[in-house]
């Protein structure tokens, strides 16, 4: 059996599963995780669950740590910049 935790990311309707790395979480807690895209901030969705080995998609990336207020500020700033860039790069039809 493997322990997993569901993590949701901004602009995503999908939940991704990670190794909780021995940490305890509450729902909606911000955490820092290792993803295929690098280090990202996500939000805990649910509780740690135990699942059978054959239900796990490997490699199972780990939650690195609980996010700090500085992590959240950086994410909000990056999101704001991304939104501004998207608005400016629009095109007319």
C-alpha atoms as a PDB file:
ATOM      1  CA  UNK A   1       0.000   0.000   0.000  1.00  0.00           C
ATOM      2  CA  UNK A   2       1.125   3.528  -0.795  1.00  0.00           C
ATOM      3  CA  UNK A   3       0.073   6.758   0.870  1.00  0.00           C
ATOM      4  CA  UNK A   4      -0.987   9.517  -1.537  1.00  0.00           C
ATOM      5  CA  UNK A   5      -2.340  13.058  -1.281  1.00  0.00           C
ATOM      6  CA  UNK A   6      -4.382  14.905  -3.900  1.00  0.00           C
ATOM      7  CA  UNK A   7      -3.035  18.280  -5.042  1.00  0.00           C
ATOM      8  CA  UNK A   8      -4.795  20.833  -7.210  1.00  0.00           C
ATOM      9  CA  UNK A   9      -3.019  23.588  -9.150  1.00  0.00           C
ATOM     10  CA  UNK A  10      -4.185  27.045 -10.243  1.00  0.00           C
ATOM     11  CA  UNK A  11      -5.982  26.961 -13.596  1.00  0.00           C
ATOM     12  CA  UNK A  12      -6.505  23.209 -13.361  1.00  0.00           C
ATOM     13  CA  UNK A  13      -9.683  21.275 -12.746  1.00  0.00           C
ATOM     14  CA  UNK A  14      -7.740  18.068 -12.257  1.00  0.00           C
ATOM     15  CA  UNK A  15      -6.332  16.565  -9.072  1.00  0.00           C
ATOM     16  CA  UNK A  16      -2.808  15.137  -9.208  1.00  0.00           C
ATOM     17  CA  UNK A  17      -1.526  12.650  -6.661  1.00  0.00           C
ATOM     18  CA  UNK A  18       1.746  12.895  -4.766  1.00  0.00           C
ATOM     19  CA  UNK A  19       3.682  11.070  -2.084  1.00  0.00           C
ATOM     20  CA  UNK A  20       2.918  12.974   1.161  1.00  0.00           C
ATOM     21  CA  UNK A  21       6.533  12.400   2.232  1.00  0.00           C
ATOM     22  CA  UNK A  22       5.527  11.695   5.852  1.00  0.00           C
ATOM     23  CA  UNK A  23       3.934  15.139   6.272  1.00  0.00           C
ATOM     24  CA  UNK A  24       0.492  15.863   7.737  1.00  0.00           C
ATOM     25  CA  UNK A  25      -1.956  18.066   5.830  1.00  0.00           C
ATOM     26  CA  UNK A  26      -5.301  19.748   6.163  1.00  0.00           C
ATOM     27  CA  UNK A  27      -7.596  20.380   3.225  1.00  0.00           C
ATOM     28  CA  UNK A  28      -6.858  23.584   1.236  1.00  0.00           C
ATOM     29  CA  UNK A  29      -3.343  23.864   2.677  1.00  0.00           C
ATOM     30  CA  UNK A  30      -0.769  25.280   0.229  1.00  0.00           C
ATOM     31  CA  UNK A  31       2.212  22.998  -0.387  1.00  0.00           C
ATOM     32  CA  UNK A  32       5.357  22.969  -2.513  1.00  0.00           C
ATOM     33  CA  UNK A  33       5.646  19.936  -4.780  1.00  0.00           C
ATOM     34  CA  UNK A  34       8.065  18.527  -7.315  1.00  0.00           C
ATOM     35  CA  UNK A  35       6.394  18.145 -10.733  1.00  0.00           C
ATOM     36  CA  UNK A  36       7.510  17.343 -14.257  1.00  0.00           C
ATOM     37  CA  UNK A  37       7.505  21.125 -14.833  1.00  0.00           C
ATOM     38  CA  UNK A  38       9.718  21.779 -11.821  1.00  0.00           C
ATOM     39  CA  UNK A  39       8.892  23.047  -8.350  1.00  0.00           C
ATOM     40  CA  UNK A  40       5.302  24.321  -8.065  1.00  0.00           C
ATOM     41  CA  UNK A  41       2.817  25.491  -5.477  1.00  0.00           C
ATOM     42  CA  UNK A  42      -0.381  23.489  -5.122  1.00  0.00           C
ATOM     43  CA  UNK A  43      -3.364  23.162  -2.818  1.00  0.00           C
ATOM     44  CA  UNK A  44      -4.175  20.023  -0.850  1.00  0.00           C
ATOM     45  CA  UNK A  45      -7.463  18.485  -1.952  1.00  0.00           C
ATOM     46  CA  UNK A  46      -8.659  15.926   0.581  1.00  0.00           C
ATOM     47  CA  UNK A  47      -6.781  13.779   3.055  1.00  0.00           C
ATOM     48  CA  UNK A  48      -3.874  11.369   2.830  1.00  0.00           C
ATOM     49  CA  UNK A  49      -5.181   8.051   1.474  1.00  0.00           C
ATOM     50  CA  UNK A  50      -3.735   4.575   1.264  1.00  0.00           C
ATOM     51  CA  UNK A  51      -4.073   2.897  -2.122  1.00  0.00           C
ATOM     52  CA  UNK A  52      -3.007  -0.445  -3.498  1.00  0.00           C
ATOM     53  CA  UNK A  53       0.311  -0.641  -5.340  1.00  0.00           C
ATOM     54  CA  UNK A  54      -1.342  -1.322  -8.696  1.00  0.00           C
ATOM     55  CA  UNK A  55      -3.372   1.933  -8.432  1.00  0.00           C
ATOM     56  CA  UNK A  56      -0.271   4.164  -8.229  1.00  0.00           C
ATOM     57  CA  UNK A  57       1.142   5.809 -11.353  1.00  0.00           C
ATOM     58  CA  UNK A  58       4.926   5.877 -11.039  1.00  0.00           C
ATOM     59  CA  UNK A  59       7.083   7.791 -10.582  1.00  0.00           C
ATOM     60  CA  UNK A  60       5.150   9.234  -7.661  1.00  0.00           C
ATOM     61  CA  UNK A  61       6.568  12.725  -7.035  1.00  0.00           C
ATOM     62  CA  UNK A  62       6.841  14.013  -3.463  1.00  0.00           C
ATOM     63  CA  UNK A  63       5.386  16.915  -1.554  1.00  0.00           C
ATOM     64  CA  UNK A  64       8.521  18.819  -0.578  1.00  0.00           C
ATOM     65  CA  UNK A  65       7.112  20.996   2.200  1.00  0.00           C
ATOM     66  CA  UNK A  66       4.241  23.129   3.401  1.00  0.00           C
ATOM     67  CA  UNK A  67       4.276  26.485   1.589  1.00  0.00           C
ATOM     68  CA  UNK A  68       5.425  29.613   3.397  1.00  0.00           C
ATOM     69  CA  UNK A  69       3.752  33.011   3.125  1.00  0.00           C
ATOM     70  CA  UNK A  70       6.673  34.020   0.882  1.00  0.00           C
ATOM     71  CA  UNK A  71       5.916  31.094  -1.464  1.00  0.00           C
ATOM     72  CA  UNK A  72       2.294  32.226  -1.726  1.00  0.00           C
ATOM     73  CA  UNK A  73       3.331  35.843  -2.427  1.00  0.00           C
ATOM     74  CA  UNK A  74       5.662  34.689  -5.208  1.00  0.00           C
ATOM     75  CA  UNK A  75       2.954  32.533  -6.753  1.00  0.00           C
ATOM     76  CA  UNK A  76       0.430  35.384  -6.665  1.00  0.00           C
ATOM     77  CA  UNK A  77       2.920  37.766  -8.286  1.00  0.00           C
ATOM     78  CA  UNK A  78       3.799  35.235 -11.000  1.00  0.00           C
ATOM     79  CA  UNK A  79       0.086  34.610 -11.663  1.00  0.00           C
ATOM     80  CA  UNK A  80      -0.590  38.354 -11.915  1.00  0.00           C
ATOM     81  CA  UNK A  81       2.282  38.821 -14.381  1.00  0.00           C
ATOM     82  CA  UNK A  82       1.088  35.856 -16.442  1.00  0.00           C
ATOM     83  CA  UNK A  83      -2.459  37.269 -16.573  1.00  0.00           C
ATOM     84  CA  UNK A  84      -1.163  40.693 -17.647  1.00  0.00           C
ATOM     85  CA  UNK A  85       1.005  39.120 -20.357  1.00  0.00           C
ATOM     86  CA  UNK A  86      -1.947  37.077 -21.628  1.00  0.00           C
ATOM     87  CA  UNK A  87      -4.115  40.202 -21.835  1.00  0.00           C
ATOM     88  CA  UNK A  88      -1.413  42.105 -23.725  1.00  0.00           C
ATOM     89  CA  UNK A  89      -0.681  39.292 -26.160  1.00  0.00           C
ATOM     90  CA  UNK A  90      -4.288  39.023 -27.331  1.00  0.00           C
ATOM     91  CA  UNK A  91      -5.097  39.347 -30.999  1.00  0.00           C
ATOM     92  CA  UNK A  92      -7.974  40.735 -33.026  1.00  0.00           C
ATOM     93  CA  UNK A  93     -10.110  38.485 -35.135  1.00  0.00           C
END
